[in-house]
Amino acid sequence: MIDEALSSFPRAKLMTSVTPVERLERLSDQLGLDLWIKRDDLTGLSFGGNKTRQLEFYLGEALQQRADTILITGAVQSNFVRTAAAASAKLGISSILQLEERVANMGECYHRSGNVLLAQLLGAEHMSYPRGEDEAGADNALHERADQLVAEGRKPYVIHLGVDHPPLGALGYVAGAAELHAQISDFDAAVVPSGSGSTHGGFLAGLRLVGQSAPVYGICVRRDQNQQKARLQKVLGRLATMMGFDPVLVTGDIYTWDGALAPGYGRIGRAAREALTLMARAEGILLDPVYSAKTFAGLLGLLEQGVIRKGQKVVLLHTGGQPALFGYQDELQSS
């Protein structure tokens, strides 16, 4: 059913192979879990990450429309905009990346290293947006730039940030969930990051569409759990309409948890720092400070609260983002 449903959407070929699923042997022993990790940090394209799956569908539509330039917005250290620059380079089109000031009082490394440096190497054009909590304004700024490009005779394609647009990126994680199910289907719970809602929403829908009923815990990385749940309901409602399934299948099955969110988006709290260090020193796997470290911290918090129980088989989705480690080196070295 999933393959047939996805075949109706244009898709750019960016993923070169499935990503591995690995058992975390030492952490399984330490935590009393049967813990597995889906390595979507290995999707390819400039250090990989979850955005590669999402961009297959956005750029599929862009190519169908014969676009020659894509425009996208995100935080200064956004993995999405960096991966968009890489995908655009691969497909031979231009990219314009709008960097929003979502995280205040950050230093030179944050603004020049990590994803910022990589995007420059990939040939992207940068523009800035002064506010970090204004999705509609950020999207409007992209459209203003797109209008200028049209006047120059170019064909722009805007990848929107706001939740009121079709969540094409979620289709990538409908496919990703089906891929995981083919690799390992008998797990008790999955833990994923929850930010824009495309990864969390697509993953949840994909699992339900293949008949997997395990709870999917979305760990909040940008907004509190009530706001995030409301956002997911919108994303899943639109996704259901796009794909033609009953939204009741998923909209009553949304779990969000914000216990690792503090001190806020793009900030490294104690829980995320400890989780990042634990994963690195126990398994030799690097997480990023904004998404995947908080996701693993969420798994640890849910285990401590008894929501995830000892002995359960749990899958952690690693969404990549390691280039941001270099943008956050001042914060990571300060303790």
Protein backbone atom coordinates (compact mmCIF):
# COMPACT_ATOMS: atom_id res chain seq x y z
CA MET A 1 0.00 0.00 0.00
CA ILE A 2 2.76 2.45 0.89
CA ASP A 3 4.73 1.97 -2.32
CA GLU A 4 1.60 2.45 -4.38
CA ALA A 5 0.57 5.56 -2.45
CA LEU A 6 4.02 7.14 -2.68
CA SER A 7 4.36 6.39 -6.38
CA SER A 8 1.85 9.13 -7.16
CA PHE A 9 4.25 11.80 -5.87
CA PRO A 10 7.29 12.98 -7.87
CA ARG A 11 10.50 11.95 -6.17
CA ALA A 12 14.12 12.91 -6.67
CA LYS A 13 16.63 10.10 -6.24
CA LEU A 14 18.83 11.19 -3.32
CA MET A 15 18.99 8.08 -1.12
CA THR A 16 21.50 5.61 -2.55
CA SER A 17 20.75 2.72 -0.16
CA VAL A 18 18.82 1.79 2.97
CA THR A 19 20.33 2.95 6.24
CA PRO A 20 21.45 0.30 8.75
CA VAL A 21 19.80 -0.72 12.00
CA GLU A 22 22.28 -1.62 14.74
CA ARG A 23 21.92 -3.05 18.21
CA LEU A 24 23.59 -0.88 20.84
CA GLU A 25 25.22 -3.66 22.82
CA ARG A 26 26.84 -1.72 25.64
CA LEU A 27 23.94 0.66 26.17
CA SER A 28 21.50 -2.27 26.12
CA ASP A 29 23.45 -3.80 29.00
CA GLN A 30 23.79 -0.51 30.90
CA LEU A 31 20.15 0.52 30.56
CA GLY A 32 18.47 -2.88 30.82
CA LEU A 33 16.90 -2.52 27.38
CA ASP A 34 17.11 -4.23 24.02
CA LEU A 35 18.15 -0.99 22.34
CA TRP A 36 18.50 -0.51 18.59
CA ILE A 37 19.34 2.53 16.50
CA LYS A 38 18.20 3.41 12.99
CA ARG A 39 21.20 5.14 11.46
CA ASP A 40 19.64 7.92 9.41
CA ASP A 41 22.77 9.89 10.07
CA LEU A 42 24.09 7.74 7.19
CA THR A 43 21.71 8.84 4.44
CA GLY A 44 24.54 10.41 2.43
CA LEU A 45 24.76 13.96 1.04
CA SER A 46 27.08 16.14 3.11
CA PHE A 47 27.09 14.20 6.41
CA GLY A 48 23.61 12.71 5.91
CA GLY A 49 20.66 13.10 8.23
CA ASN A 50 16.89 12.82 8.12
CA LYS A 51 16.38 15.73 5.75
CA THR A 52 17.66 13.71 2.79
CA ARG A 53 14.52 11.56 2.92
CA GLN A 54 12.29 14.63 3.13
CA LEU A 55 14.03 16.44 0.29
CA GLU A 56 13.42 13.58 -2.14
CA PHE A 57 9.78 14.67 -2.30
CA TYR A 58 10.26 18.42 -2.16
CA LEU A 59 12.87 18.36 -4.89
CA GLY A 60 10.88 15.81 -6.86
CA GLU A 61 8.13 18.40 -7.12
CA ALA A 62 10.67 21.15 -7.84
CA LEU A 63 12.13 19.17 -10.75
CA GLN A 64 8.65 18.39 -12.05
CA GLN A 65 8.02 22.14 -12.13
CA ARG A 66 11.38 22.64 -13.92
CA ALA A 67 12.68 24.84 -11.12
CA ASP A 68 16.24 26.11 -11.39
CA THR A 69 16.51 27.47 -7.83
CA ILE A 70 15.21 26.29 -4.48
CA LEU A 71 14.65 28.55 -1.48
CA ILE A 72 14.46 27.27 2.08
CA THR A 73 14.56 28.74 5.59
CA GLY A 74 15.91 27.46 8.90
CA ALA A 75 18.07 28.22 11.90
CA VAL A 76 21.67 29.33 11.43
CA GLN A 77 22.89 25.81 12.14
CA SER A 78 20.03 24.14 10.28
CA ASN A 79 20.69 20.66 8.96
CA PHE A 80 17.76 21.05 6.59
CA VAL A 81 19.19 24.03 4.71
CA ARG A 82 22.67 22.44 4.55
CA THR A 83 21.23 19.21 3.13
CA ALA A 84 19.09 21.22 0.71
CA ALA A 85 22.26 22.88 -0.57
CA ALA A 86 23.88 19.46 -1.06
CA ALA A 87 20.83 18.01 -2.81
CA SER A 88 20.59 21.04 -5.06
CA ALA A 89 24.25 20.70 -6.00
CA LYS A 90 23.71 17.02 -6.79
CA LEU A 91 20.75 17.84 -9.03
CA GLY A 92 22.41 20.80 -10.72
CA ILE A 93 20.15 23.56 -9.46
CA SER A 94 20.87 26.64 -7.35
CA SER A 95 20.00 27.06 -3.68
CA ILE A 96 19.20 30.09 -1.57
CA LEU A 97 19.26 29.50 2.18
CA GLN A 98 17.60 31.87 4.61
CA LEU A 99 19.13 31.69 8.07
CA GLU A 100 16.87 32.73 10.95
CA GLU A 101 18.18 34.08 14.24
CA ARG A 102 16.39 31.52 16.43
CA VAL A 103 19.11 31.24 19.08
CA ALA A 104 20.25 34.46 20.75
CA ASN A 105 23.71 35.40 21.97
CA MET A 106 25.70 32.80 20.06
CA GLY A 107 29.33 33.31 19.15
CA GLU A 108 31.47 33.28 16.04
CA CYS A 109 31.69 29.50 15.74
CA TYR A 110 27.91 29.23 15.62
CA HIS A 111 27.69 31.74 12.78
CA ARG A 112 30.67 30.57 10.72
CA SER A 113 31.40 26.90 11.36
CA GLY A 114 29.43 23.66 11.10
CA ASN A 115 26.49 23.73 8.72
CA VAL A 116 27.16 27.34 7.71
CA LEU A 117 30.63 26.47 6.42
CA LEU A 118 29.38 23.36 4.62
CA ALA A 119 26.62 25.27 2.86
CA GLN A 120 29.17 27.80 1.64
CA LEU A 121 31.36 25.01 0.28
CA LEU A 122 28.30 23.61 -1.49
CA GLY A 123 27.81 26.90 -3.32
CA ALA A 124 24.64 28.11 -1.64
CA GLU A 125 23.58 31.74 -1.50
CA HIS A 126 22.73 32.96 2.00
CA MET A 127 20.17 35.48 3.17
CA SER A 128 19.12 36.27 6.73
CA TYR A 129 15.90 36.73 8.66
CA PRO A 130 16.05 38.53 12.01
CA ARG A 131 13.28 36.68 13.86
CA GLY A 132 13.28 33.05 14.89
CA GLU A 133 9.67 32.45 15.89
CA ASP A 134 7.87 33.81 12.86
CA GLU A 135 7.20 30.98 10.40
CA ALA A 136 4.78 32.96 8.27
CA GLY A 137 7.16 35.92 8.07
CA ALA A 138 10.09 33.67 7.17
CA ASP A 139 8.07 32.03 4.40
CA ASN A 140 6.92 35.42 3.13
CA ALA A 141 10.53 36.59 2.94
CA LEU A 142 11.32 33.58 0.75
CA HIS A 143 8.43 34.45 -1.55
CA GLU A 144 9.64 38.04 -1.85
CA ARG A 145 13.04 36.74 -2.97
CA ALA A 146 11.33 34.25 -5.28
CA ASP A 147 9.39 37.09 -6.91
CA GLN A 148 12.70 38.83 -7.63
CA LEU A 149 14.00 35.67 -9.24
CA VAL A 150 10.91 35.37 -11.43
CA ALA A 151 11.47 38.96 -12.59
CA GLU A 152 14.98 37.89 -13.60
CA GLY A 153 13.59 35.05 -15.69
CA ARG A 154 14.38 32.25 -13.23
CA LYS A 155 12.11 29.48 -11.94
CA PRO A 156 12.20 29.32 -8.13
CA TYR A 157 10.71 26.67 -5.85
CA VAL A 158 10.00 27.49 -2.19
CA ILE A 159 10.23 24.85 0.54
CA HIS A 160 7.90 26.22 3.19
CA LEU A 161 8.45 26.19 6.93
CA GLY A 162 4.86 26.89 8.02
CA VAL A 163 2.53 24.07 8.98
CA ASP A 164 -0.26 25.25 6.67
CA HIS A 165 1.43 23.87 3.56
CA PRO A 166 1.40 20.27 2.25
CA PRO A 167 3.91 18.24 4.34
CA LEU A 168 5.72 16.67 1.40
CA GLY A 169 8.71 15.97 3.62
CA ALA A 170 6.62 13.66 5.79
CA LEU A 171 6.34 11.32 2.81
CA GLY A 172 10.04 10.63 3.20
CA TYR A 173 9.43 9.19 6.65
CA VAL A 174 6.41 7.21 5.58
CA ALA A 175 8.92 5.49 3.30
CA GLY A 176 11.54 5.45 6.08
CA ALA A 177 9.18 3.73 8.50
CA ALA A 178 8.36 1.07 5.92
CA GLU A 179 12.10 0.58 5.39
CA LEU A 180 12.61 0.11 9.13
CA HIS A 181 9.70 -2.34 9.34
CA ALA A 182 11.35 -4.50 6.67
CA GLN A 183 14.54 -4.55 8.75
CA ILE A 184 13.14 -4.99 12.26
CA SER A 185 9.42 -5.32 12.91
CA ASP A 186 9.06 -6.73 16.43
CA PHE A 187 9.93 -3.73 18.61
CA ASP A 188 7.98 -2.38 21.57
CA ALA A 189 8.54 1.36 21.13
CA ALA A 190 10.24 3.90 18.88
CA VAL A 191 11.73 7.24 19.91
CA VAL A 192 12.09 10.05 17.36
CA PRO A 193 12.69 13.81 17.40
CA SER A 194 9.69 16.09 16.97
CA GLY A 195 10.31 19.55 15.54
CA SER A 196 8.65 20.55 12.27
CA GLY A 197 6.54 17.39 12.61
CA SER A 198 7.50 15.90 9.25
CA THR A 199 9.81 13.20 10.58
CA HIS A 200 7.64 12.32 13.58
CA GLY A 201 4.38 12.49 11.63
CA GLY A 202 5.62 10.59 8.60
CA PHE A 203 7.26 7.91 10.74
CA LEU A 204 4.11 7.39 12.82
CA ALA A 205 1.90 7.20 9.75
CA GLY A 206 4.27 4.83 7.99
CA LEU A 207 4.36 2.41 10.90
CA ARG A 208 0.60 2.38 11.22
CA LEU A 209 0.18 1.84 7.49
CA VAL A 210 2.36 -1.29 7.64
CA GLY A 211 0.44 -2.58 10.67
CA GLN A 212 3.02 -1.79 13.37
CA SER A 213 1.22 -0.61 16.53
CA ALA A 214 4.19 0.17 18.80
CA PRO A 215 4.04 3.64 20.39
CA VAL A 216 6.13 6.33 18.74
CA TYR A 217 7.42 8.86 21.28
CA GLY A 218 8.18 12.25 19.75
CA ILE A 219 10.78 14.16 21.76
CA CYS A 220 10.17 17.89 21.57
CA VAL A 221 13.11 19.96 20.33
CA ARG A 222 11.46 23.32 19.66
CA ARG A 223 8.12 23.77 21.47
CA ASP A 224 6.37 22.25 24.48
CA GLN A 225 4.52 18.95 24.23
CA ASN A 226 1.02 20.45 24.03
CA GLN A 227 1.96 22.84 21.24
CA GLN A 228 3.81 20.06 19.47
CA LYS A 229 0.92 17.64 19.68
CA ALA A 230 -1.37 20.25 18.13
CA ARG A 231 1.16 20.75 15.34
CA LEU A 232 1.35 17.00 14.71
CA GLN A 233 -2.42 16.80 14.43
CA LYS A 234 -2.28 19.37 11.62
CA VAL A 235 0.61 17.65 9.87
CA LEU A 236 -1.04 14.24 10.08
CA GLY A 237 -4.39 15.55 8.94
CA ARG A 238 -2.82 17.04 5.83
CA LEU A 239 -0.72 13.93 5.26
CA ALA A 240 -3.83 11.74 5.47
CA THR A 241 -5.54 13.91 2.87
CA MET A 242 -2.51 13.77 0.58
CA MET A 243 -2.15 9.98 0.81
CA GLY A 244 -5.81 9.07 1.09
CA PHE A 245 -5.88 7.27 4.43
CA ASP A 246 -8.24 7.81 7.36
CA PRO A 247 -6.68 10.34 9.77
CA VAL A 248 -8.24 8.45 12.67
CA LEU A 249 -5.50 5.87 12.05
CA VAL A 250 -2.92 8.25 13.49
CA THR A 251 -4.31 11.45 15.00
CA GLY A 252 -5.37 9.74 18.24
CA ASP A 253 -1.98 8.11 18.61
CA ILE A 254 0.35 11.08 19.08
CA TYR A 255 2.81 11.00 22.00
CA THR A 256 4.99 14.03 22.65
CA TRP A 257 7.43 14.58 25.54
CA ASP A 258 9.25 17.78 26.42
CA GLY A 259 11.29 16.77 29.44
CA ALA A 260 14.59 17.32 27.59
CA LEU A 261 13.61 20.56 25.82
CA ALA A 262 15.04 22.97 28.42
CA PRO A 263 16.56 25.49 28.14
CA GLY A 264 14.90 25.75 24.72
CA TYR A 265 15.42 25.30 21.01
CA GLY A 266 19.05 25.25 19.96
CA ARG A 267 20.28 25.30 23.55
CA ILE A 268 22.12 22.46 25.23
CA GLY A 269 20.70 21.54 28.61
CA ARG A 270 22.17 19.11 31.09
CA ALA A 271 20.02 16.20 29.92
CA ALA A 272 21.05 16.59 26.27
CA ARG A 273 24.72 17.08 27.16
CA GLU A 274 24.76 13.95 29.30
CA ALA A 275 22.97 11.95 26.61
CA LEU A 276 25.38 13.11 23.93
CA THR A 277 28.36 12.12 26.09
CA LEU A 278 26.87 8.77 27.07
CA MET A 279 26.23 7.73 23.46
CA ALA A 280 29.71 8.83 22.37
CA ARG A 281 31.56 7.04 25.16
CA ALA A 282 29.43 3.90 25.26
CA GLU A 283 28.96 3.28 21.53
CA GLY A 284 31.29 5.61 19.63
CA ILE A 285 28.29 7.23 17.92
CA LEU A 286 28.10 11.02 17.77
CA LEU A 287 24.79 12.81 18.23
CA ASP A 288 24.06 16.45 17.49
CA PRO A 289 23.24 18.99 20.22
CA VAL A 290 19.94 20.27 18.81
CA TYR A 291 17.97 17.16 17.81
CA SER A 292 19.45 13.71 18.29
CA ALA A 293 21.02 14.37 21.72
CA LYS A 294 17.66 15.59 23.02
CA THR A 295 15.98 12.59 21.42
CA PHE A 296 18.25 10.17 23.25
CA ALA A 297 17.82 12.24 26.42
CA GLY A 298 14.09 11.78 25.93
CA LEU A 299 14.48 8.03 25.71
CA LEU A 300 16.44 8.07 28.97
CA GLY A 301 13.80 10.26 30.60
CA LEU A 302 10.96 8.00 29.48
CA LEU A 303 12.87 5.02 30.85
CA GLU A 304 13.37 6.78 34.18
CA GLN A 305 9.66 7.59 34.36
CA GLY A 306 8.68 4.00 33.58
CA VAL A 307 6.93 4.90 30.31
CA ILE A 308 9.55 2.79 28.56
CA ARG A 309 10.10 -0.31 30.67
CA LYS A 310 13.16 -2.40 31.40
CA GLY A 311 13.55 -5.30 29.01
CA GLN A 312 11.64 -3.69 26.16
CA LYS A 313 12.93 -3.64 22.60
CA VAL A 314 13.26 0.02 21.64
CA VAL A 315 14.33 1.69 18.38
CA LEU A 316 15.97 5.12 18.50
CA LEU A 317 15.92 7.14 15.28
CA HIS A 318 19.25 8.91 14.74
CA THR A 319 18.52 11.89 12.50
CA GLY A 320 22.12 13.03 12.02
CA GLY A 321 23.15 16.66 12.33
CA GLN A 322 26.72 16.11 13.50
CA PRO A 323 28.11 19.18 11.64
CA ALA A 324 26.36 21.31 14.26
CA LEU A 325 28.79 19.96 16.85
CA PHE A 326 31.40 22.31 15.41
CA GLY A 327 29.01 25.25 15.47
CA TYR A 328 28.35 24.52 19.15
CA GLN A 329 31.93 23.84 20.18
CA ASP A 330 32.10 26.83 22.53
CA GLU A 331 29.05 25.60 24.43
CA LEU A 332 30.21 21.97 24.46
CA GLN A 333 33.68 22.87 25.72
CA SER A 334 32.43 25.23 28.41
CA SER A 335 31.70 22.53 30.97
